Protein backbone atom coordinates (compact mmCIF):
# COMPACT_ATOMS: atom_id res chain seq x y z
CA UNK A 1 46.39 -6.76 31.71
CA UNK A 2 45.12 -9.69 33.74
CA UNK A 3 41.96 -11.68 33.13
CA UNK A 4 40.87 -10.66 36.61
CA UNK A 5 41.08 -6.96 35.71
CA UNK A 6 39.27 -7.55 32.44
CA UNK A 7 36.50 -9.40 34.26
CA UNK A 8 36.13 -6.55 36.76
CA UNK A 9 35.85 -4.03 33.91
CA UNK A 10 33.23 -6.10 32.13
CA UNK A 11 31.21 -6.43 35.33
CA UNK A 12 31.54 -2.71 36.14
CA UNK A 13 33.40 -3.53 39.37
CA UNK A 14 36.44 -1.47 38.39
CA UNK A 15 37.33 1.27 35.90
CA UNK A 16 40.53 1.00 33.85
CA UNK A 17 43.10 3.77 34.13
CA UNK A 18 43.37 6.25 31.27
CA UNK A 19 46.84 5.11 30.23
CA UNK A 20 45.62 1.54 29.86
CA UNK A 21 42.62 2.63 27.80
CA UNK A 22 44.98 4.56 25.56
CA UNK A 23 47.30 1.53 25.24
CA UNK A 24 44.39 -0.72 24.23
CA UNK A 25 43.27 1.84 21.63
CA UNK A 26 46.81 2.04 20.25
CA UNK A 27 47.11 -1.75 20.15
CA UNK A 28 43.90 -2.10 18.10
CA UNK A 29 44.66 1.03 16.07
CA UNK A 30 41.38 2.72 17.03
CA UNK A 31 40.45 5.83 18.95
CA UNK A 32 39.43 5.74 22.59
CA UNK A 33 36.01 7.03 21.49
CA UNK A 34 35.72 3.97 19.27
CA UNK A 35 36.44 1.72 22.27
CA UNK A 36 33.62 3.41 24.15
CA UNK A 37 31.23 3.03 21.23
CA UNK A 38 31.07 6.74 20.47
CA UNK A 39 32.77 6.66 17.10
CA UNK A 40 32.39 4.46 14.07
CA UNK A 41 35.05 4.73 11.35
CA UNK A 42 33.63 6.90 8.55
CA UNK A 43 34.30 4.39 5.79
CA UNK A 44 32.01 1.83 7.44
CA UNK A 45 29.27 4.01 8.84
CA UNK A 46 26.83 2.81 6.22
CA UNK A 47 26.24 -0.88 5.64
CA UNK A 48 24.32 -0.07 2.44
CA UNK A 49 27.46 -0.63 0.40
CA UNK A 50 28.31 -4.01 1.93
CA UNK A 51 26.78 -7.42 2.33
CA UNK A 52 26.58 -8.62 5.95
CA UNK A 53 29.53 -10.90 5.24
CA UNK A 54 31.65 -8.06 3.82
CA UNK A 55 30.78 -5.88 6.80
CA UNK A 56 31.78 -8.69 9.19
CA UNK A 57 35.14 -9.04 7.44
CA UNK A 58 35.79 -5.29 7.72
CA UNK A 59 34.90 -5.21 11.41
CA UNK A 60 36.95 -8.34 12.12
CA UNK A 61 40.01 -6.89 10.41
CA UNK A 62 39.65 -3.70 12.44
CA UNK A 63 39.86 -5.71 15.67
CA UNK A 64 43.31 -7.22 15.04
CA UNK A 65 46.82 -5.84 14.76
CA UNK A 66 48.40 -4.94 11.42
CA UNK A 67 50.47 -8.13 11.16
CA UNK A 68 47.36 -10.26 11.62
CA UNK A 69 45.54 -8.13 9.05
CA UNK A 70 48.29 -8.85 6.53
CA UNK A 71 48.11 -12.58 7.24
CA UNK A 72 44.32 -12.56 6.88
CA UNK A 73 44.50 -10.67 3.59
CA UNK A 74 47.15 -13.06 2.26
CA UNK A 75 44.94 -16.00 3.21
CA UNK A 76 41.92 -14.41 1.51
CA UNK A 77 43.96 -13.73 -1.61
CA UNK A 78 45.06 -17.37 -1.64
CA UNK A 79 41.46 -18.54 -1.38
CA UNK A 80 40.38 -16.17 -4.16
CA UNK A 81 43.22 -17.34 -6.42
CA UNK A 82 42.33 -21.00 -5.80
CA UNK A 83 38.68 -20.22 -6.56
CA UNK A 84 39.68 -18.48 -9.80
CA UNK A 85 41.79 -21.48 -10.83
CA UNK A 86 38.96 -23.91 -10.05
CA UNK A 87 36.53 -21.85 -12.13
CA UNK A 88 38.98 -21.83 -15.05
CA UNK A 89 39.46 -25.59 -14.73
CA UNK A 90 35.70 -26.22 -14.62
CA UNK A 91 35.21 -23.98 -17.65
CA UNK A 92 37.93 -25.83 -19.57
CA UNK A 93 36.41 -29.20 -18.70
CA UNK A 94 32.98 -28.02 -19.77
CA UNK A 95 34.36 -26.75 -23.07
CA UNK A 96 36.20 -30.04 -23.60
CA UNK A 97 33.02 -32.01 -22.93
CA UNK A 98 31.11 -29.87 -25.44
CA UNK A 99 33.85 -30.36 -28.02
CA UNK A 100 33.71 -34.15 -27.48
CA UNK A 101 29.92 -34.09 -28.00
CA UNK A 102 30.34 -32.28 -31.32
CA UNK A 103 32.60 -35.03 -32.69
């Protein structure tokens, strides 16, 4: 797919062939209806269960291939683990400071 073709599609100057639409849907692991805005995955049809940030993460992960999803999840898990460790450290320091004040 060339940037020229993509530009023509975006500007409604050309229509992509069916096999290319199918290939794009396969690449992003979505249906062709989803590409055309006719289908929203059922698990994210309601934003009531998510904060805007959570919803953005879900949508962003849907837009990338599976390998990139795994990398993103590993990065998020690393951030969450570091956050957990920092909270534990801060709690230990606070407890230590309280113990020093009691002496």
